[in-house]
Amino acid sequence: VGAGRAGRLLAEAIAQKRTVSGNPYEGTGYEVGGCIGDDVK
């Protein structure tokens, strides 16, 4: 919820693939489909 920069960064962080240090959101079972907000822009 939130189509601004913060929302997109959160979506990218959750969807991030495995790295050496690990993704803290990985393994939670969520697959982000996208962002949604009420700002027309």
ModelCIF file with pLDDT and N, C-alpha, C, O atoms, coordinates in Angstrom:
data_MODEL
#
_entry.id   MODEL 
#
_entity.id                         1 
_entity.type                       polymer 
_entity.pdbx_number_of_molecules   1 
#
_entity_poly.entity_id                      1 
_entity_poly.type                           'polypeptide(L)' 
_entity_poly.nstd_linkage                   no 
_entity_poly.nstd_monomer                   no 
_entity_poly.pdbx_seq_one_letter_code       VGAGRAGRLLAEAIAQKRTVSGNPYEGTGYEVGGCIGDDVK 
_entity_poly.pdbx_seq_one_letter_code_can   VGAGRAGRLLAEAIAQKRTVSGNPYEGTGYEVGGCIGDDVK 
_entity_poly.pdbx_strand_id                 A 
#
loop_
_entity_poly_seq.entity_id 
_entity_poly_seq.num 
_entity_poly_seq.mon_id 
_entity_poly_seq.hetero 
1 1  VAL n 
1 2  GLY n 
1 3  ALA n 
1 4  GLY n 
1 5  ARG n 
1 6  ALA n 
1 7  GLY n 
1 8  ARG n 
1 9  LEU n 
1 10 LEU n 
1 11 ALA n 
1 12 GLU n 
1 13 ALA n 
1 14 ILE n 
1 15 ALA n 
1 16 GLN n 
1 17 LYS n 
1 18 ARG n 
1 19 THR n 
1 20 VAL n 
1 21 SER n 
1 22 GLY n 
1 23 ASN n 
1 24 PRO n 
1 25 TYR n 
1 26 GLU n 
1 27 GLY n 
1 28 THR n 
1 29 GLY n 
1 30 TYR n 
1 31 GLU n 
1 32 VAL n 
1 33 GLY n 
1 34 GLY n 
1 35 CYS n 
1 36 ILE n 
1 37 GLY n 
1 38 ASP n 
1 39 ASP n 
1 40 VAL n 
1 41 LYS n 
#
_struct_asym.id          A 
_struct_asym.entity_id   1 
#
loop_
_ma_qa_metric.id 
_ma_qa_metric.mode 
_ma_qa_metric.name 
_ma_qa_metric.software_group_id 
_ma_qa_metric.type 
1 global pLDDT . pLDDT 
2 local  pLDDT . pLDDT 
#
_ma_qa_metric_global.metric_id      1 
_ma_qa_metric_global.metric_value   57.71 
_ma_qa_metric_global.model_id       1 
_ma_qa_metric_global.ordinal_id     1 
#
loop_
_ma_qa_metric_local.label_asym_id 
_ma_qa_metric_local.label_comp_id 
_ma_qa_metric_local.label_seq_id 
_ma_qa_metric_local.metric_id 
_ma_qa_metric_local.metric_value 
_ma_qa_metric_local.model_id 
_ma_qa_metric_local.ordinal_id 
A VAL 1  2 67.00 1 1  
A GLY 2  2 61.00 1 2  
A ALA 3  2 60.00 1 3  
A GLY 4  2 64.00 1 4  
A ARG 5  2 66.00 1 5  
A ALA 6  2 66.00 1 6  
A GLY 7  2 64.00 1 7  
A ARG 8  2 67.00 1 8  
A LEU 9  2 68.00 1 9  
A LEU 10 2 66.00 1 10 
A ALA 11 2 64.00 1 11 
A GLU 12 2 66.00 1 12 
A ALA 13 2 64.00 1 13 
A ILE 14 2 61.00 1 14 
A ALA 15 2 61.00 1 15 
A GLN 16 2 61.00 1 16 
A LYS 17 2 52.00 1 17 
A ARG 18 2 45.00 1 18 
A THR 19 2 45.00 1 19 
A VAL 20 2 40.00 1 20 
A SER 21 2 43.00 1 21 
A GLY 22 2 44.00 1 22 
A ASN 23 2 48.00 1 23 
A PRO 24 2 47.00 1 24 
A TYR 25 2 47.00 1 25 
A GLU 26 2 54.00 1 26 
A GLY 27 2 53.00 1 27 
A THR 28 2 56.00 1 28 
A GLY 29 2 57.00 1 29 
A TYR 30 2 63.00 1 30 
A GLU 31 2 63.00 1 31 
A VAL 32 2 62.00 1 32 
A GLY 33 2 60.00 1 33 
A GLY 34 2 61.00 1 34 
A CYS 35 2 64.00 1 35 
A ILE 36 2 64.00 1 36 
A GLY 37 2 62.00 1 37 
A ASP 38 2 56.00 1 38 
A ASP 39 2 55.00 1 39 
A VAL 40 2 46.00 1 40 
A LYS 41 2 53.00 1 41 
#
loop_
_atom_site.group_PDB 
_atom_site.id 
_atom_site.type_symbol 
_atom_site.label_atom_id 
_atom_site.label_alt_id 
_atom_site.label_comp_id 
_atom_site.label_asym_id 
_atom_site.label_entity_id 
_atom_site.label_seq_id 
_atom_site.pdbx_PDB_ins_code 
_atom_site.Cartn_x 
_atom_site.Cartn_y 
_atom_site.Cartn_z 
_atom_site.occupancy 
_atom_site.B_iso_or_equiv 
_atom_site.pdbx_formal_charge 
_atom_site.auth_seq_id 
_atom_site.auth_comp_id 
_atom_site.auth_asym_id 
_atom_site.auth_atom_id 
_atom_site.pdbx_PDB_model_num 
ATOM 1   N N  . VAL A 1 1  ? 0.854  -1.187  0.000   1.00 67.00 ? 1  VAL A N  1 
ATOM 2   C CA . VAL A 1 1  ? 0.000  0.000   0.000   1.00 67.00 ? 1  VAL A CA 1 
ATOM 3   C C  . VAL A 1 1  ? 0.890  1.237   0.000   1.00 67.00 ? 1  VAL A C  1 
ATOM 4   O O  . VAL A 1 1  ? 1.581  1.524   0.977   1.00 67.00 ? 1  VAL A O  1 
ATOM 5   N N  . GLY A 1 2  ? 0.858  1.959   -1.108  1.00 61.00 ? 2  GLY A N  1 
ATOM 6   C CA . GLY A 1 2  ? 1.727  3.113   -1.289  1.00 61.00 ? 2  GLY A CA 1 
ATOM 7   C C  . GLY A 1 2  ? 2.519  2.957   -2.559  1.00 61.00 ? 2  GLY A C  1 
ATOM 8   O O  . GLY A 1 2  ? 3.402  2.104   -2.649  1.00 61.00 ? 2  GLY A O  1 
ATOM 9   N N  . ALA A 1 3  ? 2.202  3.791   -3.561  1.00 60.00 ? 3  ALA A N  1 
ATOM 10  C CA . ALA A 1 3  ? 2.860  3.664   -4.859  1.00 60.00 ? 3  ALA A CA 1 
ATOM 11  C C  . ALA A 1 3  ? 4.014  4.641   -5.024  1.00 60.00 ? 3  ALA A C  1 
ATOM 12  O O  . ALA A 1 3  ? 4.559  4.789   -6.118  1.00 60.00 ? 3  ALA A O  1 
ATOM 13  N N  . GLY A 1 4  ? 4.388  5.311   -3.927  1.00 64.00 ? 4  GLY A N  1 
ATOM 14  C CA . GLY A 1 4  ? 5.496  6.254   -3.993  1.00 64.00 ? 4  GLY A CA 1 
ATOM 15  C C  . GLY A 1 4  ? 6.834  5.567   -3.908  1.00 64.00 ? 4  GLY A C  1 
ATOM 16  O O  . GLY A 1 4  ? 6.931  4.346   -4.035  1.00 64.00 ? 4  GLY A O  1 
ATOM 17  N N  . ARG A 1 5  ? 7.878  6.369   -3.690  1.00 66.00 ? 5  ARG A N  1 
ATOM 18  C CA . ARG A 1 5  ? 9.239  5.833   -3.653  1.00 66.00 ? 5  ARG A CA 1 
ATOM 19  C C  . ARG A 1 5  ? 9.410  4.831   -2.510  1.00 66.00 ? 5  ARG A C  1 
ATOM 20  O O  . ARG A 1 5  ? 10.039 3.788   -2.687  1.00 66.00 ? 5  ARG A O  1 
ATOM 21  N N  . ALA A 1 6  ? 8.854  5.146   -1.347  1.00 66.00 ? 6  ALA A N  1 
ATOM 22  C CA . ALA A 1 6  ? 8.994  4.251   -0.196  1.00 66.00 ? 6  ALA A CA 1 
ATOM 23  C C  . ALA A 1 6  ? 8.332  2.905   -0.461  1.00 66.00 ? 6  ALA A C  1 
ATOM 24  O O  . ALA A 1 6  ? 8.878  1.855   -0.121  1.00 66.00 ? 6  ALA A O  1 
ATOM 25  N N  . GLY A 1 7  ? 7.139  2.944   -1.076  1.00 64.00 ? 7  GLY A N  1 
ATOM 26  C CA . GLY A 1 7  ? 6.444  1.706   -1.379  1.00 64.00 ? 7  GLY A CA 1 
ATOM 27  C C  . GLY A 1 7  ? 7.199  0.855   -2.370  1.00 64.00 ? 7  GLY A C  1 
ATOM 28  O O  . GLY A 1 7  ? 7.276  -0.365  -2.229  1.00 64.00 ? 7  GLY A O  1 
ATOM 29  N N  . ARG A 1 8  ? 7.762  1.509   -3.383  1.00 67.00 ? 8  ARG A N  1 
ATOM 30  C CA . ARG A 1 8  ? 8.520  0.762   -4.389  1.00 67.00 ? 8  ARG A CA 1 
ATOM 31  C C  . ARG A 1 8  ? 9.792  0.161   -3.799  1.00 67.00 ? 8  ARG A C  1 
ATOM 32  O O  . ARG A 1 8  ? 10.165 -0.963  -4.135  1.00 67.00 ? 8  ARG A O  1 
ATOM 33  N N  . LEU A 1 9  ? 10.452 0.902   -2.928  1.00 68.00 ? 9  LEU A N  1 
ATOM 34  C CA . LEU A 1 9  ? 11.669 0.381   -2.294  1.00 68.00 ? 9  LEU A CA 1 
ATOM 35  C C  . LEU A 1 9  ? 11.352 -0.837  -1.433  1.00 68.00 ? 9  LEU A C  1 
ATOM 36  O O  . LEU A 1 9  ? 12.110 -1.806  -1.407  1.00 68.00 ? 9  LEU A O  1 
ATOM 37  N N  . LEU A 1 10 ? 10.210 -0.775  -0.722  1.00 66.00 ? 10 LEU A N  1 
ATOM 38  C CA . LEU A 1 10 ? 9.809  -1.907  0.107   1.00 66.00 ? 10 LEU A CA 1 
ATOM 39  C C  . LEU A 1 10 ? 9.513  -3.123  -0.766  1.00 66.00 ? 10 LEU A C  1 
ATOM 40  O O  . LEU A 1 10 ? 9.927  -4.238  -0.449  1.00 66.00 ? 10 LEU A O  1 
ATOM 41  N N  . ALA A 1 11 ? 8.792  -2.900  -1.869  1.00 64.00 ? 11 ALA A N  1 
ATOM 42  C CA . ALA A 1 11 ? 8.465  -4.003  -2.780  1.00 64.00 ? 11 ALA A CA 1 
ATOM 43  C C  . ALA A 1 11 ? 9.732  -4.627  -3.351  1.00 64.00 ? 11 ALA A C  1 
ATOM 44  O O  . ALA A 1 11 ? 9.832  -5.850  -3.451  1.00 64.00 ? 11 ALA A O  1 
ATOM 45  N N  . GLU A 1 12 ? 10.705 -3.789  -3.729  1.00 66.00 ? 12 GLU A N  1 
ATOM 46  C CA . GLU A 1 12 ? 11.961 -4.302  -4.281  1.00 66.00 ? 12 GLU A CA 1 
ATOM 47  C C  . GLU A 1 12 ? 12.755 -5.071  -3.236  1.00 66.00 ? 12 GLU A C  1 
ATOM 48  O O  . GLU A 1 12 ? 13.390 -6.079  -3.545  1.00 66.00 ? 12 GLU A O  1 
ATOM 49  N N  . ALA A 1 13 ? 12.717 -4.586  -1.982  1.00 64.00 ? 13 ALA A N  1 
ATOM 50  C CA . ALA A 1 13 ? 13.459 -5.260  -0.908  1.00 64.00 ? 13 ALA A CA 1 
ATOM 51  C C  . ALA A 1 13 ? 12.893 -6.642  -0.629  1.00 64.00 ? 13 ALA A C  1 
ATOM 52  O O  . ALA A 1 13 ? 13.643 -7.595  -0.422  1.00 64.00 ? 13 ALA A O  1 
ATOM 53  N N  . ILE A 1 14 ? 11.563 -6.750  -0.623  1.00 61.00 ? 14 ILE A N  1 
ATOM 54  C CA . ILE A 1 14 ? 10.935 -8.042  -0.362  1.00 61.00 ? 14 ILE A CA 1 
ATOM 55  C C  . ILE A 1 14 ? 11.180 -9.019  -1.506  1.00 61.00 ? 14 ILE A C  1 
ATOM 56  O O  . ILE A 1 14 ? 11.368 -10.216 -1.288  1.00 61.00 ? 14 ILE A O  1 
ATOM 57  N N  . ALA A 1 15 ? 11.176 -8.485  -2.736  1.00 61.00 ? 15 ALA A N  1 
ATOM 58  C CA . ALA A 1 15 ? 11.349 -9.334  -3.917  1.00 61.00 ? 15 ALA A CA 1 
ATOM 59  C C  . ALA A 1 15 ? 12.807 -9.634  -4.227  1.00 61.00 ? 15 ALA A C  1 
ATOM 60  O O  . ALA A 1 15 ? 13.097 -10.431 -5.119  1.00 61.00 ? 15 ALA A O  1 
ATOM 61  N N  . GLN A 1 16 ? 13.720 -9.014  -3.511  1.00 61.00 ? 16 GLN A N  1 
ATOM 62  C CA . GLN A 1 16 ? 15.146 -9.189  -3.787  1.00 61.00 ? 16 GLN A CA 1 
ATOM 63  C C  . GLN A 1 16 ? 15.556 -10.644 -3.694  1.00 61.00 ? 16 GLN A C  1 
ATOM 64  O O  . GLN A 1 16 ? 15.118 -11.363 -2.796  1.00 61.00 ? 16 GLN A O  1 
ATOM 65  N N  . LYS A 1 17 ? 16.382 -11.072 -4.605  1.00 52.00 ? 17 LYS A N  1 
ATOM 66  C CA . LYS A 1 17 ? 16.865 -12.449 -4.607  1.00 52.00 ? 17 LYS A CA 1 
ATOM 67  C C  . LYS A 1 17 ? 17.907 -12.639 -3.526  1.00 52.00 ? 17 LYS A C  1 
ATOM 68  O O  . LYS A 1 17 ? 18.364 -11.680 -2.906  1.00 52.00 ? 17 LYS A O  1 
ATOM 69  N N  . ARG A 1 18 ? 18.274 -13.886 -3.310  1.00 45.00 ? 18 ARG A N  1 
ATOM 70  C CA . ARG A 1 18 ? 19.246 -14.208 -2.270  1.00 45.00 ? 18 ARG A CA 1 
ATOM 71  C C  . ARG A 1 18 ? 20.583 -13.543 -2.548  1.00 45.00 ? 18 ARG A C  1 
ATOM 72  O O  . ARG A 1 18 ? 21.037 -13.472 -3.690  1.00 45.00 ? 18 ARG A O  1 
ATOM 73  N N  . THR A 1 19 ? 21.197 -13.060 -1.487  1.00 45.00 ? 19 THR A N  1 
ATOM 74  C CA . THR A 1 19 ? 22.538 -12.497 -1.577  1.00 45.00 ? 19 THR A CA 1 
ATOM 75  C C  . THR A 1 19 ? 23.412 -13.187 -0.549  1.00 45.00 ? 19 THR A C  1 
ATOM 76  O O  . THR A 1 19 ? 22.946 -14.039 0.206   1.00 45.00 ? 19 THR A O  1 
ATOM 77  N N  . VAL A 1 20 ? 24.659 -12.820 -0.525  1.00 40.00 ? 20 VAL A N  1 
ATOM 78  C CA . VAL A 1 20 ? 25.577 -13.430 0.446   1.00 40.00 ? 20 VAL A CA 1 
ATOM 79  C C  . VAL A 1 20 ? 25.131 -13.139 1.868   1.00 40.00 ? 20 VAL A C  1 
ATOM 80  O O  . VAL A 1 20 ? 25.163 -14.016 2.731   1.00 40.00 ? 20 VAL A O  1 
ATOM 81  N N  . SER A 1 21 ? 24.709 -11.889 2.109   1.00 43.00 ? 21 SER A N  1 
ATOM 82  C CA . SER A 1 21 ? 24.296 -11.499 3.453   1.00 43.00 ? 21 SER A CA 1 
ATOM 83  C C  . SER A 1 21 ? 22.882 -11.949 3.774   1.00 43.00 ? 21 SER A C  1 
ATOM 84  O O  . SER A 1 21 ? 22.494 -11.977 4.942   1.00 43.00 ? 21 SER A O  1 
ATOM 85  N N  . GLY A 1 22 ? 22.093 -12.309 2.741   1.00 44.00 ? 22 GLY A N  1 
ATOM 86  C CA . GLY A 1 22 ? 20.734 -12.767 2.978   1.00 44.00 ? 22 GLY A CA 1 
ATOM 87  C C  . GLY A 1 22 ? 19.733 -11.631 2.935   1.00 44.00 ? 22 GLY A C  1 
ATOM 88  O O  . GLY A 1 22 ? 20.062 -10.493 3.270   1.00 44.00 ? 22 GLY A O  1 
ATOM 89  N N  . ASN A 1 23 ? 18.536 -11.929 2.533   1.00 48.00 ? 23 ASN A N  1 
ATOM 90  C CA . ASN A 1 23 ? 17.451 -10.959 2.490   1.00 48.00 ? 23 ASN A CA 1 
ATOM 91  C C  . ASN A 1 23 ? 16.590 -11.154 3.730   1.00 48.00 ? 23 ASN A C  1 
ATOM 92  O O  . ASN A 1 23 ? 16.027 -12.236 3.905   1.00 48.00 ? 23 ASN A O  1 
ATOM 93  N N  . PRO A 1 24 ? 16.462 -10.148 4.604   1.00 47.00 ? 24 PRO A N  1 
ATOM 94  C CA . PRO A 1 24 ? 15.693 -10.324 5.836   1.00 47.00 ? 24 PRO A CA 1 
ATOM 95  C C  . PRO A 1 24 ? 14.222 -10.627 5.607   1.00 47.00 ? 24 PRO A C  1 
ATOM 96  O O  . PRO A 1 24 ? 13.545 -11.118 6.511   1.00 47.00 ? 24 PRO A O  1 
ATOM 97  N N  . TYR A 1 25 ? 13.711 -10.339 4.403   1.00 47.00 ? 25 TYR A N  1 
ATOM 98  C CA . TYR A 1 25 ? 12.310 -10.626 4.104   1.00 47.00 ? 25 TYR A CA 1 
ATOM 99  C C  . TYR A 1 25 ? 12.126 -11.998 3.473   1.00 47.00 ? 25 TYR A C  1 
ATOM 100 O O  . TYR A 1 25 ? 11.001 -12.473 3.322   1.00 47.00 ? 25 TYR A O  1 
ATOM 101 N N  . GLU A 1 26 ? 13.232 -12.631 3.107   1.00 54.00 ? 26 GLU A N  1 
ATOM 102 C CA . GLU A 1 26 ? 13.156 -13.927 2.442   1.00 54.00 ? 26 GLU A CA 1 
ATOM 103 C C  . GLU A 1 26 ? 12.658 -14.985 3.412   1.00 54.00 ? 26 GLU A C  1 
ATOM 104 O O  . GLU A 1 26 ? 13.019 -14.980 4.589   1.00 54.00 ? 26 GLU A O  1 
ATOM 105 N N  . GLY A 1 27 ? 11.831 -15.888 2.913   1.00 53.00 ? 27 GLY A N  1 
ATOM 106 C CA . GLY A 1 27 ? 11.336 -16.962 3.757   1.00 53.00 ? 27 GLY A CA 1 
ATOM 107 C C  . GLY A 1 27 ? 10.057 -16.632 4.487   1.00 53.00 ? 27 GLY A C  1 
ATOM 108 O O  . GLY A 1 27 ? 9.517  -17.482 5.195   1.00 53.00 ? 27 GLY A O  1 
ATOM 109 N N  . THR A 1 28 ? 9.553  -15.404 4.332   1.00 56.00 ? 28 THR A N  1 
ATOM 110 C CA . THR A 1 28 ? 8.323  -15.022 5.025   1.00 56.00 ? 28 THR A CA 1 
ATOM 111 C C  . THR A 1 28 ? 7.091  -15.551 4.308   1.00 56.00 ? 28 THR A C  1 
ATOM 112 O O  . THR A 1 28 ? 6.006  -15.583 4.888   1.00 56.00 ? 28 THR A O  1 
ATOM 113 N N  . GLY A 1 29 ? 7.243  -15.968 3.045   1.00 57.00 ? 29 GLY A N  1 
ATOM 114 C CA . GLY A 1 29 ? 6.131  -16.541 2.315   1.00 57.00 ? 29 GLY A CA 1 
ATOM 115 C C  . GLY A 1 29 ? 5.326  -15.552 1.509   1.00 57.00 ? 29 GLY A C  1 
ATOM 116 O O  . GLY A 1 29 ? 4.264  -15.897 0.992   1.00 57.00 ? 29 GLY A O  1 
ATOM 117 N N  . TYR A 1 30 ? 5.808  -14.325 1.390   1.00 63.00 ? 30 TYR A N  1 
ATOM 118 C CA . TYR A 1 30 ? 5.077  -13.308 0.638   1.00 63.00 ? 30 TYR A CA 1 
ATOM 119 C C  . TYR A 1 30 ? 5.720  -13.084 -0.728  1.00 63.00 ? 30 TYR A C  1 
ATOM 120 O O  . TYR A 1 30 ? 6.943  -13.038 -0.859  1.00 63.00 ? 30 TYR A O  1 
ATOM 121 N N  . GLU A 1 31 ? 4.868  -12.945 -1.736  1.00 63.00 ? 31 GLU A N  1 
ATOM 122 C CA . GLU A 1 31 ? 5.296  -12.611 -3.081  1.00 63.00 ? 31 GLU A CA 1 
ATOM 123 C C  . GLU A 1 31 ? 4.605  -11.301 -3.471  1.00 63.00 ? 31 GLU A C  1 
ATOM 124 O O  . GLU A 1 31 ? 3.384  -11.262 -3.627  1.00 63.00 ? 31 GLU A O  1 
ATOM 125 N N  . VAL A 1 32 ? 5.370  -10.253 -3.623  1.00 62.00 ? 32 VAL A N  1 
ATOM 126 C CA . VAL A 1 32 ? 4.794  -8.939  -3.899  1.00 62.00 ? 32 VAL A CA 1 
ATOM 127 C C  . VAL A 1 32 ? 4.341  -8.855  -5.348  1.00 62.00 ? 32 VAL A C  1 
ATOM 128 O O  . VAL A 1 32 ? 5.121  -9.099  -6.269  1.00 62.00 ? 32 VAL A O  1 
ATOM 129 N N  . GLY A 1 33 ? 3.053  -8.503  -5.547  1.00 60.00 ? 33 GLY A N  1 
ATOM 130 C CA . GLY A 1 33 ? 2.525  -8.362  -6.889  1.00 60.00 ? 33 GLY A CA 1 
ATOM 131 C C  . GLY A 1 33 ? 2.675  -6.964  -7.434  1.00 60.00 ? 33 GLY A C  1 
ATOM 132 O O  . GLY A 1 33 ? 2.669  -6.774  -8.651  1.00 60.00 ? 33 GLY A O  1 
ATOM 133 N N  . GLY A 1 34 ? 2.810  -5.966  -6.556  1.00 61.00 ? 34 GLY A N  1 
ATOM 134 C CA . GLY A 1 34 ? 2.977  -4.588  -7.008  1.00 61.00 ? 34 GLY A CA 1 
ATOM 135 C C  . GLY A 1 34 ? 2.602  -3.602  -5.928  1.00 61.00 ? 34 GLY A C  1 
ATOM 136 O O  . GLY A 1 34 ? 2.425  -3.978  -4.769  1.00 61.00 ? 34 GLY A O  1 
ATOM 137 N N  . CYS A 1 35 ? 2.480  -2.330  -6.304  1.00 64.00 ? 35 CYS A N  1 
ATOM 138 C CA . CYS A 1 35 ? 2.161  -1.247  -5.380  1.00 64.00 ? 35 CYS A CA 1 
ATOM 139 C C  . CYS A 1 35 ? 0.821  -0.630  -5.773  1.00 64.00 ? 35 CYS A C  1 
ATOM 140 O O  . CYS A 1 35 ? 0.455  -0.615  -6.948  1.00 64.00 ? 35 CYS A O  1 
ATOM 141 N N  . ILE A 1 36 ? 0.109  -0.133  -4.798  1.00 64.00 ? 36 ILE A N  1 
ATOM 142 C CA . ILE A 1 36 ? -1.164 0.516   -5.063  1.00 64.00 ? 36 ILE A CA 1 
ATOM 143 C C  . ILE A 1 36 ? -1.297 1.731   -4.165  1.00 64.00 ? 36 ILE A C  1 
ATOM 144 O O  . ILE A 1 36 ? -0.909 1.689   -2.997  1.00 64.00 ? 36 ILE A O  1 
ATOM 145 N N  . GLY A 1 37 ? -1.848 2.820   -4.705  1.00 62.00 ? 37 GLY A N  1 
ATOM 146 C CA . GLY A 1 37 ? -2.007 4.046   -3.923  1.00 62.00 ? 37 GLY A CA 1 
ATOM 147 C C  . GLY A 1 37 ? -3.152 4.872   -4.463  1.00 62.00 ? 37 GLY A C  1 
ATOM 148 O O  . GLY A 1 37 ? -3.734 4.537   -5.495  1.00 62.00 ? 37 GLY A O  1 
ATOM 149 N N  . ASP A 1 38 ? -3.485 5.971   -3.756  1.00 56.00 ? 38 ASP A N  1 
ATOM 150 C CA . ASP A 1 38 ? -4.607 6.808   -4.170  1.00 56.00 ? 38 ASP A CA 1 
ATOM 151 C C  . ASP A 1 38 ? -4.157 8.100   -4.842  1.00 56.00 ? 38 ASP A C  1 
ATOM 152 O O  . ASP A 1 38 ? -4.982 8.941   -5.199  1.00 56.00 ? 38 ASP A O  1 
ATOM 153 N N  . ASP A 1 39 ? -2.843 8.254   -5.014  1.00 55.00 ? 39 ASP A N  1 
ATOM 154 C CA . ASP A 1 39 ? -2.327 9.436   -5.696  1.00 55.00 ? 39 ASP A CA 1 
ATOM 155 C C  . ASP A 1 39 ? -2.321 9.169   -7.193  1.00 55.00 ? 39 ASP A C  1 
ATOM 156 O O  . ASP A 1 39 ? -1.664 8.241   -7.666  1.00 55.00 ? 39 ASP A O  1 
ATOM 157 N N  . VAL A 1 40 ? -3.071 10.003  -7.947  1.00 46.00 ? 40 VAL A N  1 
ATOM 158 C CA . VAL A 1 40 ? -3.186 9.787   -9.385  1.00 46.00 ? 40 VAL A CA 1 
ATOM 159 C C  . VAL A 1 40 ? -1.837 9.799   -10.087 1.00 46.00 ? 40 VAL A C  1 
ATOM 160 O O  . VAL A 1 40 ? -1.627 9.064   -11.052 1.00 46.00 ? 40 VAL A O  1 
ATOM 161 N N  . LYS A 1 41 ? -0.909 10.644  -9.597  1.00 53.00 ? 41 LYS A N  1 
ATOM 162 C CA . LYS A 1 41 ? 0.398  10.762  -10.225 1.00 53.00 ? 41 LYS A CA 1 
ATOM 163 C C  . LYS A 1 41 ? 1.259  9.527   -9.990  1.00 53.00 ? 41 LYS A C  1 
ATOM 164 O O  . LYS A 1 41 ? 2.396  9.470   -10.458 1.00 53.00 ? 41 LYS A O  1 
#
